[in-house]
Amino acid sequence: MRKNCEGMTLIEVLVAFIVLSVTMAVIMQIFSGGMRNARLAESYSRAVFLAESKMAAVGLERPLMPGEDSGQVGGEMQWRVSITPAEDDASTNAQLMPIRLYQVRVRASWGDDGRERQVELTSLRLGPR
């Protein structure tokens, strides 16, 4: 009489190994995608912070006059501030006012994985005519 063997066959071990390796591959893909998204979110946060700081500097550190200014931060992030007179009505009261409405645009851009990404903020400011 033959006793039942208490072990796993080679086929069962191979199937278990294949299931484990496929599961680990899926988990690694999910993890790397999450890390990539976290890095992208951090880059967008830095760009928004830079654009907000440049927007706040307009009128304080930089005069509110039409023109452009640009620069680079950290070797990878570029910024550009553009100030243009805003479209306002051509009424006679507007010509008598000592102030004028300006449109301020701040763009922060950077390269990520071979793609150009950017954040742009726009605001209206009152300044001298």
Protein backbone atom coordinates (compact mmCIF):
# COMPACT_ATOMS: atom_id res chain seq x y z
CA MET A 1 0.00 0.00 0.00
CA ARG A 2 1.25 3.46 -0.96
CA LYS A 3 1.11 6.46 1.42
CA ASN A 4 0.08 9.95 0.25
CA CYS A 5 3.01 12.29 -0.19
CA GLU A 6 2.86 15.45 1.91
CA GLY A 7 4.54 17.95 -0.41
CA MET A 8 4.16 20.11 -3.50
CA THR A 9 4.97 19.04 -7.00
CA LEU A 10 7.34 20.95 -9.23
CA ILE A 11 4.42 22.25 -11.34
CA GLU A 12 2.69 23.71 -8.28
CA VAL A 13 5.90 25.47 -7.22
CA LEU A 14 6.38 26.94 -10.73
CA VAL A 15 2.77 28.16 -10.90
CA ALA A 16 3.09 29.78 -7.47
CA PHE A 17 6.35 31.46 -8.55
CA ILE A 18 4.75 32.80 -11.76
CA VAL A 19 1.75 34.18 -9.86
CA LEU A 20 4.08 35.84 -7.36
CA SER A 21 6.26 37.41 -10.07
CA VAL A 22 3.27 38.77 -12.01
CA THR A 23 1.83 40.23 -8.81
CA MET A 24 5.15 41.86 -7.92
CA ALA A 25 5.45 43.34 -11.43
CA VAL A 26 1.99 44.93 -11.11
CA ILE A 27 2.80 46.30 -7.65
CA MET A 28 6.06 47.81 -8.93
CA GLN A 29 4.24 49.50 -11.84
CA ILE A 30 1.70 51.01 -9.45
CA PHE A 31 4.47 52.19 -7.10
CA SER A 32 6.55 53.77 -9.86
CA GLY A 33 3.47 55.52 -11.30
CA GLY A 34 2.70 56.94 -7.86
CA MET A 35 6.26 58.17 -7.46
CA ARG A 36 6.17 59.81 -10.91
CA ASN A 37 2.88 61.56 -10.06
CA ALA A 38 4.26 62.75 -6.73
CA ARG A 39 7.34 64.21 -8.46
CA LEU A 40 5.12 65.96 -11.03
CA ALA A 41 2.86 67.39 -8.31
CA GLU A 42 5.92 68.68 -6.47
CA SER A 43 7.17 70.37 -9.66
CA TYR A 44 3.79 72.05 -10.21
CA SER A 45 3.77 73.23 -6.58
CA ARG A 46 7.23 74.76 -6.97
CA ALA A 47 6.18 76.46 -10.23
CA VAL A 48 3.03 77.93 -8.65
CA PHE A 49 5.04 79.17 -5.67
CA LEU A 50 7.58 80.81 -7.99
CA ALA A 51 4.84 82.42 -10.12
CA GLU A 52 3.03 83.71 -7.03
CA SER A 53 6.22 85.24 -5.64
CA LYS A 54 7.00 86.97 -8.95
CA MET A 55 3.41 88.22 -9.14
CA ALA A 56 3.67 89.64 -5.62
CA ALA A 57 6.94 91.40 -6.51
CA VAL A 58 5.31 93.37 -9.34
CA GLY A 59 4.75 96.89 -8.10
CA LEU A 60 7.11 96.40 -5.13
CA GLU A 61 10.47 95.17 -6.40
CA ARG A 62 9.70 95.82 -10.06
CA PRO A 63 7.85 98.97 -11.18
CA LEU A 64 4.42 98.55 -12.69
CA MET A 65 5.40 99.63 -16.21
CA PRO A 66 4.72 97.88 -19.55
CA GLY A 67 7.45 95.45 -20.50
CA GLU A 68 8.85 91.98 -19.91
CA ASP A 69 11.30 90.46 -17.50
CA SER A 70 12.57 86.89 -17.34
CA GLY A 71 15.03 84.69 -15.55
CA GLN A 72 15.93 81.21 -14.44
CA VAL A 73 15.83 79.51 -11.04
CA GLY A 74 17.81 76.42 -10.13
CA GLY A 75 18.93 75.69 -13.66
CA GLU A 76 15.68 74.02 -14.66
CA MET A 77 12.81 76.44 -14.01
CA GLN A 78 12.36 79.56 -16.14
CA TRP A 79 10.03 82.45 -15.41
CA ARG A 80 8.70 85.38 -17.43
CA VAL A 81 6.76 88.43 -16.23
CA SER A 82 4.83 90.37 -18.85
CA ILE A 83 3.05 93.66 -18.11
CA THR A 84 0.74 95.21 -20.71
CA PRO A 85 -1.87 97.96 -20.50
CA ALA A 86 -5.29 96.35 -20.10
CA GLU A 87 -8.11 97.09 -22.48
CA ASP A 88 -10.33 99.72 -20.86
CA ASP A 89 -13.07 101.91 -22.20
CA ALA A 90 -11.98 105.05 -24.04
CA SER A 91 -14.31 107.37 -22.15
CA THR A 92 -13.18 110.87 -21.21
CA ASN A 93 -13.23 110.02 -17.51
CA ALA A 94 -10.65 107.30 -18.06
CA GLN A 95 -8.31 109.81 -19.75
CA LEU A 96 -8.53 112.15 -16.76
CA MET A 97 -7.67 109.51 -14.18
CA PRO A 98 -4.04 109.47 -12.96
CA ILE A 99 -4.06 105.66 -12.81
CA ARG A 100 -4.30 102.94 -15.41
CA LEU A 101 -5.22 99.27 -15.42
CA TYR A 102 -2.42 96.84 -16.31
CA GLN A 103 -2.56 93.14 -17.08
CA VAL A 104 0.24 91.18 -15.38
CA ARG A 105 1.09 87.68 -16.63
CA VAL A 106 3.60 85.44 -14.92
CA ARG A 107 4.64 82.15 -16.51
CA ALA A 108 6.84 79.52 -14.88
CA SER A 109 8.01 76.71 -17.19
CA TRP A 110 10.24 73.66 -16.88
CA GLY A 111 11.09 70.47 -18.72
CA ASP A 112 9.96 67.11 -17.35
CA ASP A 113 10.54 63.75 -19.07
CA GLY A 114 11.18 65.49 -22.37
CA ARG A 115 7.95 67.50 -22.18
CA GLU A 116 7.63 71.23 -21.67
CA ARG A 117 5.35 72.06 -18.74
CA GLN A 118 4.19 75.49 -17.58
CA VAL A 119 2.03 77.37 -15.11
CA GLU A 120 0.63 80.80 -15.95
CA LEU A 121 -0.98 83.30 -13.59
CA THR A 122 -2.79 86.45 -14.76
CA SER A 123 -3.88 89.43 -12.71
CA LEU A 124 -5.03 93.02 -13.16
CA ARG A 125 -3.23 95.80 -11.28
CA LEU A 126 -3.73 99.54 -10.96
CA GLY A 127 -0.67 101.65 -11.66
CA PRO A 128 0.41 105.09 -12.80
CA ARG A 129 -0.65 106.24 -16.23
